[in-house]
PDB file of N, CA and C in Angstrom:
ATOM      1  N   UNK A   1     -98.909-136.609-131.490  1.00  0.00           N
ATOM      2  CA  UNK A   1     -98.191-136.406-132.452  1.00  0.00           C
ATOM      3  C   UNK A   1     -97.451-137.586-133.327  1.00  0.00           C
ATOM      4  N   UNK A   2     -98.274-137.722-134.078  1.00  0.00           N
ATOM      5  CA  UNK A   2     -98.151-139.158-134.647  1.00  0.00           C
ATOM      6  C   UNK A   2     -97.141-139.295-135.497  1.00  0.00           C
ATOM      7  N   UNK A   3     -96.565-138.271-136.532  1.00  0.00           N
ATOM      8  CA  UNK A   3     -95.336-138.642-136.946  1.00  0.00           C
ATOM      9  C   UNK A   3     -94.186-138.038-136.587  1.00  0.00           C
ATOM     10  N   UNK A   4     -94.223-137.677-135.084  1.00  0.00           N
ATOM     11  CA  UNK A   4     -93.051-137.021-134.597  1.00  0.00           C
ATOM     12  C   UNK A   4     -92.780-137.473-133.549  1.00  0.00           C
ATOM     13  N   UNK A   5     -91.556-137.866-132.835  1.00  0.00           N
ATOM     14  CA  UNK A   5     -90.962-137.620-131.452  1.00  0.00           C
ATOM     15  C   UNK A   5     -90.464-136.994-131.071  1.00  0.00           C
ATOM     16  N   UNK A   6     -89.911-136.868-129.721  1.00  0.00           N
ATOM     17  CA  UNK A   6     -89.820-135.500-129.009  1.00  0.00           C
ATOM     18  C   UNK A   6     -88.163-135.979-128.829  1.00  0.00           C
ATOM     19  N   UNK A   7     -87.382-134.748-128.947  1.00  0.00           N
ATOM     20  CA  UNK A   7     -85.901-134.565-128.670  1.00  0.00           C
ATOM     21  C   UNK A   7     -85.829-134.540-127.098  1.00  0.00           C
ATOM     22  N   UNK A   8     -85.122-135.141-126.488  1.00  0.00           N
ATOM     23  CA  UNK A   8     -84.923-135.320-125.192  1.00  0.00           C
ATOM     24  C   UNK A   8     -83.522-135.209-124.489  1.00  0.00           C
ATOM     25  N   UNK A   9     -82.745-135.712-125.353  1.00  0.00           N
ATOM     26  CA  UNK A   9     -81.288-135.672-124.636  1.00  0.00           C
ATOM     27  C   UNK A   9     -80.488-134.454-124.721  1.00  0.00           C
ATOM     28  N   UNK A  10     -79.687-134.102-124.092  1.00  0.00           N
ATOM     29  CA  UNK A  10     -78.949-132.772-124.353  1.00  0.00           C
ATOM     30  C   UNK A  10     -78.044-132.962-125.775  1.00  0.00           C
ATOM     31  N   UNK A  11     -77.323-134.115-125.606  1.00  0.00           N
ATOM     32  CA  UNK A  11     -76.456-134.206-126.674  1.00  0.00           C
ATOM     33  C   UNK A  11     -77.265-134.260-128.321  1.00  0.00           C
ATOM     34  N   UNK A  12     -78.729-134.382-128.221  1.00  0.00           N
ATOM     35  CA  UNK A  12     -79.170-134.192-129.448  1.00  0.00           C
ATOM     36  C   UNK A  12     -79.882-132.782-129.470  1.00  0.00           C
ATOM     37  N   UNK A  13     -79.972-132.034-128.316  1.00  0.00           N
ATOM     38  CA  UNK A  13     -80.327-130.693-128.404  1.00  0.00           C
ATOM     39  C   UNK A  13     -79.030-130.055-129.042  1.00  0.00           C
ATOM     40  N   UNK A  14     -77.794-130.308-128.609  1.00  0.00           N
ATOM     41  CA  UNK A  14     -76.650-129.723-129.130  1.00  0.00           C
ATOM     42  C   UNK A  14     -76.211-129.790-130.276  1.00  0.00           C
ATOM     43  N   UNK A  15     -76.374-131.238-130.601  1.00  0.00           N
ATOM     44  CA  UNK A  15     -76.028-131.426-132.043  1.00  0.00           C
ATOM     45  C   UNK A  15     -77.031-130.516-133.341  1.00  0.00           C
ATOM     46  N   UNK A  16     -78.121-130.561-133.068  1.00  0.00           N
ATOM     47  CA  UNK A  16     -79.414-129.537-133.689  1.00  0.00           C
ATOM     48  C   UNK A  16     -78.713-127.897-133.626  1.00  0.00           C
ATOM     49  N   UNK A  17     -78.127-127.707-132.599  1.00  0.00           N
ATOM     50  CA  UNK A  17     -77.648-126.171-132.371  1.00  0.00           C
ATOM     51  C   UNK A  17     -76.224-126.136-132.977  1.00  0.00           C
ATOM     52  N   UNK A  18     -75.552-127.005-133.056  1.00  0.00           N
ATOM     53  CA  UNK A  18     -74.218-126.686-133.568  1.00  0.00           C
ATOM     54  C   UNK A  18     -74.244-126.873-135.189  1.00  0.00           C
ATOM     55  N   UNK A  19     -74.830-128.099-135.648  1.00  0.00           N
ATOM     56  CA  UNK A  19     -74.653-128.230-137.337  1.00  0.00           C
ATOM     57  C   UNK A  19     -76.304-127.792-137.681  1.00  0.00           C
ATOM     58  N   UNK A  20     -77.313-127.552-137.111  1.00  0.00           N
ATOM     59  CA  UNK A  20     -78.290-127.093-137.615  1.00  0.00           C
ATOM     60  C   UNK A  20     -78.468-125.855-138.592  1.00  0.00           C
ATOM     61  N   UNK A  21     -79.238-125.370-139.159  1.00  0.00           N
ATOM     62  CA  UNK A  21     -79.869-124.077-139.296  1.00  0.00           C
ATOM     63  C   UNK A  21     -80.770-123.343-138.855  1.00  0.00           C
ATOM     64  N   UNK A  22     -80.634-121.952-138.697  1.00  0.00           N
ATOM     65  CA  UNK A  22     -81.722-121.209-137.364  1.00  0.00           C
ATOM     66  C   UNK A  22     -82.368-120.201-138.210  1.00  0.00           C
ATOM     67  N   UNK A  23     -83.344-119.696-137.576  1.00  0.00           N
ATOM     68  CA  UNK A  23     -84.085-118.578-138.162  1.00  0.00           C
ATOM     69  C   UNK A  23     -84.992-117.976-136.880  1.00  0.00           C
ATOM     70  N   UNK A  24     -85.266-116.868-136.876  1.00  0.00           N
ATOM     71  CA  UNK A  24     -85.799-116.187-135.726  1.00  0.00           C
ATOM     72  C   UNK A  24     -86.709-115.288-136.045  1.00  0.00           C
ATOM     73  N   UNK A  25     -87.501-114.982-135.050  1.00  0.00           N
ATOM     74  CA  UNK A  25     -88.684-113.783-135.381  1.00  0.00           C
ATOM     75  C   UNK A  25     -88.712-113.400-133.568  1.00  0.00           C
ATOM     76  N   UNK A  26     -89.949-112.619-133.622  1.00  0.00           N
ATOM     77  CA  UNK A  26     -89.782-111.980-132.073  1.00  0.00           C
ATOM     78  C   UNK A  26     -90.513-112.860-131.004  1.00  0.00           C
ATOM     79  N   UNK A  27     -91.160-113.967-131.508  1.00  0.00           N
ATOM     80  CA  UNK A  27     -91.355-114.929-130.298  1.00  0.00           C
ATOM     81  C   UNK A  27     -90.365-115.796-130.118  1.00  0.00           C
ATOM     82  N   UNK A  28     -89.678-116.723-131.120  1.00  0.00           N
ATOM     83  CA  UNK A  28     -89.017-117.772-131.502  1.00  0.00           C
ATOM     84  C   UNK A  28     -87.781-118.030-132.200  1.00  0.00           C
ATOM     85  N   UNK A  29     -86.796-118.571-131.726  1.00  0.00           N
ATOM     86  CA  UNK A  29     -85.602-119.161-132.927  1.00  0.00           C
ATOM     87  C   UNK A  29     -85.627-120.713-132.903  1.00  0.00           C
ATOM     88  N   UNK A  30     -85.944-120.712-134.193  1.00  0.00           N
ATOM     89  CA  UNK A  30     -86.188-122.325-134.765  1.00  0.00           C
ATOM     90  C   UNK A  30     -84.870-122.684-135.136  1.00  0.00           C
ATOM     91  N   UNK A  31     -84.386-124.211-134.729  1.00  0.00           N
ATOM     92  CA  UNK A  31     -83.254-124.731-135.448  1.00  0.00           C
ATOM     93  C   UNK A  31     -83.824-126.031-136.118  1.00  0.00           C
ATOM     94  N   UNK A  32     -82.990-126.101-137.259  1.00  0.00           N
ATOM     95  CA  UNK A  32     -83.486-127.304-137.963  1.00  0.00           C
ATOM     96  C   UNK A  32     -82.499-128.191-138.606  1.00  0.00           C
ATOM     97  N   UNK A  33     -82.396-129.462-138.400  1.00  0.00           N
ATOM     98  CA  UNK A  33     -81.219-130.322-138.811  1.00  0.00           C
ATOM     99  C   UNK A  33     -81.824-131.510-139.226  1.00  0.00           C
ATOM    100  N   UNK A  34     -81.337-132.236-140.707  1.00  0.00           N
ATOM    101  CA  UNK A  34     -82.113-133.228-141.155  1.00  0.00           C
ATOM    102  C   UNK A  34     -81.447-134.497-140.212  1.00  0.00           C
ATOM    103  N   UNK A  35     -82.069-135.411-139.666  1.00  0.00           N
ATOM    104  CA  UNK A  35     -81.621-136.607-138.967  1.00  0.00           C
ATOM    105  C   UNK A  35     -81.423-137.978-140.114  1.00  0.00           C
ATOM    106  N   UNK A  36     -82.000-137.945-141.267  1.00  0.00           N
ATOM    107  CA  UNK A  36     -81.538-139.137-141.862  1.00  0.00           C
ATOM    108  C   UNK A  36     -82.485-140.243-141.618  1.00  0.00           C
ATOM    109  N   UNK A  37     -83.572-139.983-141.121  1.00  0.00           N
ATOM    110  CA  UNK A  37     -84.595-140.969-140.919  1.00  0.00           C
ATOM    111  C   UNK A  37     -86.023-140.667-141.531  1.00  0.00           C
ATOM    112  N   UNK A  38     -86.922-141.685-141.033  1.00  0.00           N
ATOM    113  CA  UNK A  38     -88.168-140.778-141.793  1.00  0.00           C
ATOM    114  C   UNK A  38     -89.222-140.336-140.739  1.00  0.00           C
ATOM    115  N   UNK A  39     -88.550-140.277-139.341  1.00  0.00           N
ATOM    116  CA  UNK A  39     -89.477-139.464-138.319  1.00  0.00           C
ATOM    117  C   UNK A  39     -88.511-138.352-137.979  1.00  0.00           C
ATOM    118  N   UNK A  40     -89.777-137.021-137.752  1.00  0.00           N
ATOM    119  CA  UNK A  40     -89.057-136.127-137.254  1.00  0.00           C
ATOM    120  C   UNK A  40     -89.127-136.323-135.826  1.00  0.00           C
ATOM    121  N   UNK A  41     -88.557-134.729-135.215  1.00  0.00           N
ATOM    122  CA  UNK A  41     -88.100-135.251-133.845  1.00  0.00           C
ATOM    123  C   UNK A  41     -88.136-133.857-133.140  1.00  0.00           C
ATOM    124  N   UNK A  42     -89.166-133.128-132.343  1.00  0.00           N
ATOM    125  CA  UNK A  42     -89.321-131.855-132.001  1.00  0.00           C
ATOM    126  C   UNK A  42     -88.913-131.557-130.412  1.00  0.00           C
ATOM    127  N   UNK A  43     -88.191-130.577-130.325  1.00  0.00           N
ATOM    128  CA  UNK A  43     -87.735-130.436-128.771  1.00  0.00           C
ATOM    129  C   UNK A  43     -88.141-128.698-128.517  1.00  0.00           C
ATOM    130  N   UNK A  44     -88.507-128.432-127.553  1.00  0.00           N
ATOM    131  CA  UNK A  44     -88.769-127.441-127.014  1.00  0.00           C
ATOM    132  C   UNK A  44     -87.952-126.838-126.148  1.00  0.00           C
ATOM    133  N   UNK A  45     -87.279-125.550-125.821  1.00  0.00           N
ATOM    134  CA  UNK A  45     -86.707-125.147-124.821  1.00  0.00           C
ATOM    135  C   UNK A  45     -87.417-123.768-124.652  1.00  0.00           C
ATOM    136  N   UNK A  46     -87.477-123.389-123.162  1.00  0.00           N
ATOM    137  CA  UNK A  46     -88.047-122.396-122.670  1.00  0.00           C
ATOM    138  C   UNK A  46     -87.359-121.965-121.532  1.00  0.00           C
ATOM    139  N   UNK A  47     -86.529-120.823-121.291  1.00  0.00           N
ATOM    140  CA  UNK A  47     -85.931-120.609-120.206  1.00  0.00           C
ATOM    141  C   UNK A  47     -86.468-119.556-118.852  1.00  0.00           C
ATOM    142  N   UNK A  48     -85.901-119.307-118.069  1.00  0.00           N
ATOM    143  CA  UNK A  48     -86.389-118.864-116.891  1.00  0.00           C
ATOM    144  C   UNK A  48     -86.878-117.252-117.299  1.00  0.00           C
ATOM    145  N   UNK A  49     -85.940-116.667-118.411  1.00  0.00           N
ATOM    146  CA  UNK A  49     -86.325-115.335-118.880  1.00  0.00           C
ATOM    147  C   UNK A  49     -87.966-115.167-119.309  1.00  0.00           C
ATOM    148  N   UNK A  50     -88.257-116.351-119.762  1.00  0.00           N
ATOM    149  CA  UNK A  50     -89.486-116.120-120.273  1.00  0.00           C
ATOM    150  C   UNK A  50     -90.881-116.071-119.271  1.00  0.00           C
ATOM    151  N   UNK A  51     -90.740-116.261-117.981  1.00  0.00           N
ATOM    152  CA  UNK A  51     -91.562-116.176-116.956  1.00  0.00           C
ATOM    153  C   UNK A  51     -91.286-117.418-115.892  1.00  0.00           C
ATOM    154  N   UNK A  52     -92.341-117.545-115.170  1.00  0.00           N
ATOM    155  CA  UNK A  52     -92.419-118.879-113.856  1.00  0.00           C
ATOM    156  C   UNK A  52     -92.452-119.740-114.605  1.00  0.00           C
ATOM    157  N   UNK A  53     -93.001-120.908-113.784  1.00  0.00           N
ATOM    158  CA  UNK A  53     -93.125-122.624-114.415  1.00  0.00           C
ATOM    159  C   UNK A  53     -94.385-122.789-114.855  1.00  0.00           C
ATOM    160  N   UNK A  54     -95.448-121.742-114.611  1.00  0.00           N
ATOM    161  CA  UNK A  54     -96.785-121.791-115.227  1.00  0.00           C
ATOM    162  C   UNK A  54     -96.864-121.301-116.759  1.00  0.00           C
ATOM    163  N   UNK A  55     -96.058-120.351-117.035  1.00  0.00           N
ATOM    164  CA  UNK A  55     -95.972-119.685-118.265  1.00  0.00           C
ATOM    165  C   UNK A  55     -95.360-120.519-119.044  1.00  0.00           C
ATOM    166  N   UNK A  56     -93.922-120.969-118.570  1.00  0.00           N
ATOM    167  CA  UNK A  56     -93.154-121.690-119.395  1.00  0.00           C
ATOM    168  C   UNK A  56     -93.471-122.815-120.122  1.00  0.00           C
ATOM    169  N   UNK A  57     -94.346-123.407-118.714  1.00  0.00           N
ATOM    170  CA  UNK A  57     -95.475-124.915-119.353  1.00  0.00           C
ATOM    171  C   UNK A  57     -96.322-124.311-120.501  1.00  0.00           C
ATOM    172  N   UNK A  58     -97.075-123.440-120.308  1.00  0.00           N
ATOM    173  CA  UNK A  58     -97.875-122.911-121.196  1.00  0.00           C
ATOM    174  C   UNK A  58     -97.310-122.661-122.688  1.00  0.00           C
ATOM    175  N   UNK A  59     -96.388-122.171-122.629  1.00  0.00           N
ATOM    176  CA  UNK A  59     -95.453-121.971-123.754  1.00  0.00           C
ATOM    177  C   UNK A  59     -95.105-123.361-124.596  1.00  0.00           C
ATOM    178  N   UNK A  60     -94.646-124.082-123.927  1.00  0.00           N
ATOM    179  CA  UNK A  60     -94.456-125.677-124.223  1.00  0.00           C
ATOM    180  C   UNK A  60     -95.586-126.018-124.898  1.00  0.00           C
ATOM    181  N   UNK A  61     -96.726-126.100-124.341  1.00  0.00           N
ATOM    182  CA  UNK A  61     -97.962-126.878-124.686  1.00  0.00           C
ATOM    183  C   UNK A  61     -98.743-126.186-126.025  1.00  0.00           C
ATOM    184  N   UNK A  62     -98.339-124.971-125.673  1.00  0.00           N
ATOM    185  CA  UNK A  62     -99.112-124.074-127.291  1.00  0.00           C
ATOM    186  C   UNK A  62     -98.069-124.496-128.395  1.00  0.00           C
ATOM    187  N   UNK A  63     -96.863-124.479-128.230  1.00  0.00           N
ATOM    188  CA  UNK A  63     -95.834-124.850-129.138  1.00  0.00           C
ATOM    189  C   UNK A  63     -96.248-126.176-129.741  1.00  0.00           C
ATOM    190  N   UNK A  64     -96.286-127.040-129.007  1.00  0.00           N
ATOM    191  CA  UNK A  64     -96.352-128.901-129.240  1.00  0.00           C
ATOM    192  C   UNK A  64     -97.888-128.821-129.796  1.00  0.00           C
ATOM    193  N   UNK A  65     -98.779-128.087-129.576  1.00  0.00           N
ATOM    194  CA  UNK A  65    -100.205-128.245-129.995  1.00  0.00           C
ATOM    195  C   UNK A  65    -100.154-127.630-131.441  1.00  0.00           C
ATOM    196  N   UNK A  66     -99.751-126.494-131.292  1.00  0.00           N
ATOM    197  CA  UNK A  66     -99.713-126.112-132.807  1.00  0.00           C
ATOM    198  C   UNK A  66     -98.848-126.724-133.765  1.00  0.00           C
ATOM    199  N   UNK A  67     -97.883-127.702-133.183  1.00  0.00           N
ATOM    200  CA  UNK A  67     -97.163-128.548-134.090  1.00  0.00           C
ATOM    201  C   UNK A  67     -97.786-129.764-134.604  1.00  0.00           C
ATOM    202  N   UNK A  68     -98.378-130.249-133.645  1.00  0.00           N
ATOM    203  CA  UNK A  68     -99.195-131.485-133.745  1.00  0.00           C
ATOM    204  C   UNK A  68    -100.435-131.452-134.809  1.00  0.00           C
ATOM    205  N   UNK A  69    -101.177-130.047-134.813  1.00  0.00           N
ATOM    206  CA  UNK A  69    -101.914-129.650-135.709  1.00  0.00           C
ATOM    207  C   UNK A  69    -101.484-129.660-137.187  1.00  0.00           C
ATOM    208  N   UNK A  70    -100.560-128.914-137.422  1.00  0.00           N
ATOM    209  CA  UNK A  70     -99.723-128.764-138.655  1.00  0.00           C
ATOM    210  C   UNK A  70     -98.510-129.735-139.098  1.00  0.00           C
ATOM    211  N   UNK A  71     -98.175-131.115-138.285  1.00  0.00           N
ATOM    212  CA  UNK A  71     -97.046-132.088-138.577  1.00  0.00           C
ATOM    213  C   UNK A  71     -97.128-132.362-139.687  1.00  0.00           C
ATOM    214  N   UNK A  72     -98.530-132.778-140.618  1.00  0.00           N
ATOM    215  CA  UNK A  72     -98.430-133.420-141.920  1.00  0.00           C
ATOM    216  C   UNK A  72     -97.493-132.337-143.105  1.00  0.00           C
ATOM    217  N   UNK A  73     -97.479-131.216-142.608  1.00  0.00           N
ATOM    218  CA  UNK A  73     -96.981-130.098-143.654  1.00  0.00           C
ATOM    219  C   UNK A  73     -95.278-129.746-143.332  1.00  0.00           C
ATOM    220  N   UNK A  74     -94.760-130.604-142.551  1.00  0.00           N
ATOM    221  CA  UNK A  74     -93.421-130.519-142.095  1.00  0.00           C
ATOM    222  C   UNK A  74     -92.728-131.617-143.040  1.00  0.00           C
ATOM    223  N   UNK A  75     -91.445-131.380-143.456  1.00  0.00           N
ATOM    224  CA  UNK A  75     -90.587-132.640-143.959  1.00  0.00           C
ATOM    225  C   UNK A  75     -90.566-133.356-142.861  1.00  0.00           C
ATOM    226  N   UNK A  76     -90.767-134.757-143.399  1.00  0.00           N
ATOM    227  CA  UNK A  76     -90.095-135.761-142.485  1.00  0.00           C
ATOM    228  C   UNK A  76     -88.795-135.973-142.173  1.00  0.00           C
ATOM    229  N   UNK A  77     -88.455-136.466-141.104  1.00  0.00           N
ATOM    230  CA  UNK A  77     -86.739-136.857-141.011  1.00  0.00           C
ATOM    231  C   UNK A  77     -86.263-135.546-140.638  1.00  0.00           C
ATOM    232  N   UNK A  78     -86.582-134.812-139.697  1.00  0.00           N
ATOM    233  CA  UNK A  78     -85.823-133.488-139.542  1.00  0.00           C
ATOM    234  C   UNK A  78     -86.111-132.965-138.010  1.00  0.00           C
ATOM    235  N   UNK A  79     -84.898-132.940-137.286  1.00  0.00           N
ATOM    236  CA  UNK A  79     -84.817-132.536-135.890  1.00  0.00           C
ATOM    237  C   UNK A  79     -85.249-131.127-135.908  1.00  0.00           C
ATOM    238  N   UNK A  80     -86.156-130.541-135.080  1.00  0.00           N
ATOM    239  CA  UNK A  80     -86.498-129.248-134.840  1.00  0.00           C
ATOM    240  C   UNK A  80     -86.591-129.036-133.254  1.00  0.00           C
ATOM    241  N   UNK A  81     -85.663-127.794-133.141  1.00  0.00           N
ATOM    242  CA  UNK A  81     -85.690-127.308-131.851  1.00  0.00           C
ATOM    243  C   UNK A  81     -86.394-125.895-131.677  1.00  0.00           C
ATOM    244  N   UNK A  82     -87.558-125.588-130.865  1.00  0.00           N
ATOM    245  CA  UNK A  82     -88.149-124.382-130.978  1.00  0.00           C
ATOM    246  C   UNK A  82     -87.555-123.733-129.596  1.00  0.00           C
ATOM    247  N   UNK A  83     -86.750-122.441-129.558  1.00  0.00           N
ATOM    248  CA  UNK A  83     -86.443-121.694-128.393  1.00  0.00           C
ATOM    249  C   UNK A  83     -87.222-120.625-128.306  1.00  0.00           C
ATOM    250  N   UNK A  84     -88.083-120.557-127.129  1.00  0.00           N
ATOM    251  CA  UNK A  84     -88.843-119.458-126.573  1.00  0.00           C
ATOM    252  C   UNK A  84     -88.239-118.019-126.403  1.00  0.00           C
ATOM    253  N   UNK A  85     -88.103-116.781-126.901  1.00  0.00           N
ATOM    254  CA  UNK A  85     -88.014-115.801-126.443  1.00  0.00           C
ATOM    255  C   UNK A  85     -88.884-115.201-125.428  1.00  0.00           C
ATOM    256  N   UNK A  86     -88.793-114.266-124.831  1.00  0.00           N
ATOM    257  CA  UNK A  86     -89.498-113.462-123.749  1.00  0.00           C
ATOM    258  C   UNK A  86     -90.900-113.269-124.216  1.00  0.00           C
ATOM    259  N   UNK A  87     -90.982-113.067-125.428  1.00  0.00           N
ATOM    260  CA  UNK A  87     -92.523-112.186-126.166  1.00  0.00           C
ATOM    261  C   UNK A  87     -93.281-113.163-126.224  1.00  0.00           C
ATOM    262  N   UNK A  88     -92.834-114.601-126.293  1.00  0.00           N
ATOM    263  CA  UNK A  88     -93.620-115.540-126.440  1.00  0.00           C
ATOM    264  C   UNK A  88     -94.549-116.048-125.131  1.00  0.00           C
ATOM    265  N   UNK A  89     -94.176-115.362-124.185  1.00  0.00           N
ATOM    266  CA  UNK A  89     -94.995-115.559-122.796  1.00  0.00           C
ATOM    267  C   UNK A  89     -96.211-114.806-122.857  1.00  0.00           C
ATOM    268  N   UNK A  90     -96.643-113.732-123.738  1.00  0.00           N
ATOM    269  CA  UNK A  90     -97.828-113.110-124.240  1.00  0.00           C
ATOM    270  C   UNK A  90     -98.533-113.340-125.195  1.00  0.00           C
ATOM    271  N   UNK A  91     -98.154-114.421-125.777  1.00  0.00           N
ATOM    272  CA  UNK A  91     -98.579-114.840-127.545  1.00  0.00           C
ATOM    273  C   UNK A  91     -99.792-115.837-127.228  1.00  0.00           C
ATOM    274  N   UNK A  92    -100.991-115.716-128.207  1.00  0.00           N
ATOM    275  CA  UNK A  92    -101.863-116.639-128.051  1.00  0.00           C
ATOM    276  C   UNK A  92    -101.747-117.569-129.009  1.00  0.00           C
ATOM    277  N   UNK A  93    -102.524-118.486-128.943  1.00  0.00           N
ATOM    278  CA  UNK A  93    -102.444-119.641-129.957  1.00  0.00           C
ATOM    279  C   UNK A  93    -102.131-119.572-131.391  1.00  0.00           C
ATOM    280  N   UNK A  94    -102.854-118.921-131.854  1.00  0.00           N
ATOM    281  CA  UNK A  94    -102.887-118.433-133.286  1.00  0.00           C
ATOM    282  C   UNK A  94    -101.480-117.822-133.731  1.00  0.00           C
ATOM    283  N   UNK A  95    -101.022-116.741-132.710  1.00  0.00           N
ATOM    284  CA  UNK A  95     -99.900-116.241-132.895  1.00  0.00           C
ATOM    285  C   UNK A  95     -98.587-117.159-132.840  1.00  0.00           C
ATOM    286  N   UNK A  96     -98.817-118.095-132.223  1.00  0.00           N
ATOM    287  CA  UNK A  96     -97.772-118.843-132.002  1.00  0.00           C
ATOM    288  C   UNK A  96     -97.532-120.223-133.006  1.00  0.00           C
ATOM    289  N   UNK A  97     -98.874-120.149-133.649  1.00  0.00           N
ATOM    290  CA  UNK A  97     -98.943-121.204-134.771  1.00  0.00           C
ATOM    291  C   UNK A  97     -98.183-120.429-135.630  1.00  0.00           C
ATOM    292  N   UNK A  98     -98.820-118.973-136.135  1.00  0.00           N
ATOM    293  CA  UNK A  98     -97.944-118.333-137.376  1.00  0.00           C
ATOM    294  C   UNK A  98     -96.485-117.978-137.028  1.00  0.00           C
ATOM    295  N   UNK A  99     -96.108-117.666-136.177  1.00  0.00           N
ATOM    296  CA  UNK A  99     -94.800-117.748-135.898  1.00  0.00           C
ATOM    297  C   UNK A  99     -94.064-118.833-136.380  1.00  0.00           C
ATOM    298  N   UNK A 100     -94.469-120.191-135.946  1.00  0.00           N
ATOM    299  CA  UNK A 100     -93.654-121.443-136.296  1.00  0.00           C
ATOM    300  C   UNK A 100     -93.712-121.782-137.432  1.00  0.00           C
ATOM    301  N   UNK A 101     -94.803-121.217-138.448  1.00  0.00           N
ATOM    302  CA  UNK A 101     -95.001-121.704-139.949  1.00  0.00           C
ATOM    303  C   UNK A 101     -94.104-120.578-140.563  1.00  0.00           C
ATOM    304  N   UNK A 102     -94.305-119.655-140.110  1.00  0.00           N
ATOM    305  CA  UNK A 102     -93.435-118.502-140.783  1.00  0.00           C
ATOM    306  C   UNK A 102     -91.708-119.048-140.748  1.00  0.00           C
ATOM    307  N   UNK A 103     -91.332-119.441-139.337  1.00  0.00           N
ATOM    308  CA  UNK A 103     -90.113-119.821-139.283  1.00  0.00           C
ATOM    309  C   UNK A 103     -89.568-121.092-140.021  1.00  0.00           C
ATOM    310  N   UNK A 104     -90.679-121.865-140.477  1.00  0.00           N
ATOM    311  CA  UNK A 104     -90.680-123.378-140.645  1.00  0.00           C
ATOM    312  C   UNK A 104     -90.071-122.639-142.553  1.00  0.00           C
ATOM    313  N   UNK A 105     -91.337-122.321-143.208  1.00  0.00           N
ATOM    314  CA  UNK A 105     -91.138-121.926-144.222  1.00  0.00           C
ATOM    315  C   UNK A 105     -89.608-121.175-144.867  1.00  0.00           C
ATOM    316  N   UNK A 106     -89.129-120.230-143.868  1.00  0.00           N
ATOM    317  CA  UNK A 106     -87.743-119.806-143.998  1.00  0.00           C
ATOM    318  C   UNK A 106     -86.425-120.690-143.990  1.00  0.00           C
ATOM    319  N   UNK A 107     -86.902-121.782-143.101  1.00  0.00           N
ATOM    320  CA  UNK A 107     -85.878-122.890-142.980  1.00  0.00           C
ATOM    321  C   UNK A 107     -86.370-123.924-144.231  1.00  0.00           C
ATOM    322  N   UNK A 108     -87.241-124.029-144.822  1.00  0.00           N
ATOM    323  CA  UNK A 108     -87.526-124.706-146.122  1.00  0.00           C
ATOM    324  C   UNK A 108     -87.768-126.199-145.412  1.00  0.00           C
ATOM    325  N   UNK A 109     -88.320-126.346-144.077  1.00  0.00           N
ATOM    326  CA  UNK A 109     -88.678-127.454-143.840  1.00  0.00           C
ATOM    327  C   UNK A 109     -90.416-127.696-143.814  1.00  0.00           C
ATOM    328  N   UNK A 110     -91.111-127.110-144.831  1.00  0.00           N
ATOM    329  CA  UNK A 110     -92.671-127.225-144.813  1.00  0.00           C
ATOM    330  C   UNK A 110     -92.300-127.755-146.235  1.00  0.00           C
ATOM    331  N   UNK A 111     -93.380-128.903-146.577  1.00  0.00           N
ATOM    332  CA  UNK A 111     -93.478-129.841-147.841  1.00  0.00           C
ATOM    333  C   UNK A 111     -93.907-128.564-148.847  1.00  0.00           C
ATOM    334  N   UNK A 112     -93.994-128.748-150.064  1.00  0.00           N
ATOM    335  CA  UNK A 112     -94.745-127.825-151.038  1.00  0.00           C
ATOM    336  C   UNK A 112     -96.114-128.248-151.102  1.00  0.00           C
ATOM    337  N   UNK A 113     -96.975-127.216-151.096  1.00  0.00           N
ATOM    338  CA  UNK A 113     -98.253-127.404-151.086  1.00  0.00           C
ATOM    339  C   UNK A 113     -99.032-128.708-151.837  1.00  0.00           C
ATOM    340  N   UNK A 114     -98.569-129.125-153.045  1.00  0.00           N
ATOM    341  CA  UNK A 114     -99.548-129.959-153.460  1.00  0.00           C
ATOM    342  C   UNK A 114     -99.073-131.278-153.112  1.00  0.00           C
ATOM    343  N   UNK A 115     -98.077-131.719-152.036  1.00  0.00           N
ATOM    344  CA  UNK A 115     -97.645-132.593-151.503  1.00  0.00           C
ATOM    345  C   UNK A 115     -98.321-133.074-149.920  1.00  0.00           C
ATOM    346  N   UNK A 116     -98.823-131.749-149.462  1.00  0.00           N
ATOM    347  CA  UNK A 116     -99.520-131.580-148.005  1.00  0.00           C
ATOM    348  C   UNK A 116    -100.868-132.550-148.033  1.00  0.00           C
ATOM    349  N   UNK A 117    -101.090-133.447-147.101  1.00  0.00           N
ATOM    350  CA  UNK A 117    -102.398-134.036-146.817  1.00  0.00           C
ATOM    351  C   UNK A 117    -102.283-135.433-147.182  1.00  0.00           C
TER     352      UNK A 117
END
């Protein structure tokens, strides 16, 4: 992820949960909060309700890779937390990407089409 760092600290996750906006669909809940810097940060949370460690790690990898491929379309300076729901365990690569873009558009963290690239 060229333009994005990772959210790692529990306090950072909690701040996004508490002060950020959220939107949900069948696979994910996405929280977004402006961080006031030029760099975005991505955090992924997958609980044991989703599946065993292999399944949870696969969901995390799918989310990170889909974000990495589309990160130029996201508004810089945003903390984003993606929380996986149980349905994410059976989702394929394209389904995960579509879900993330869908939620990002609802949260208005996607650049307008003419400024992308």
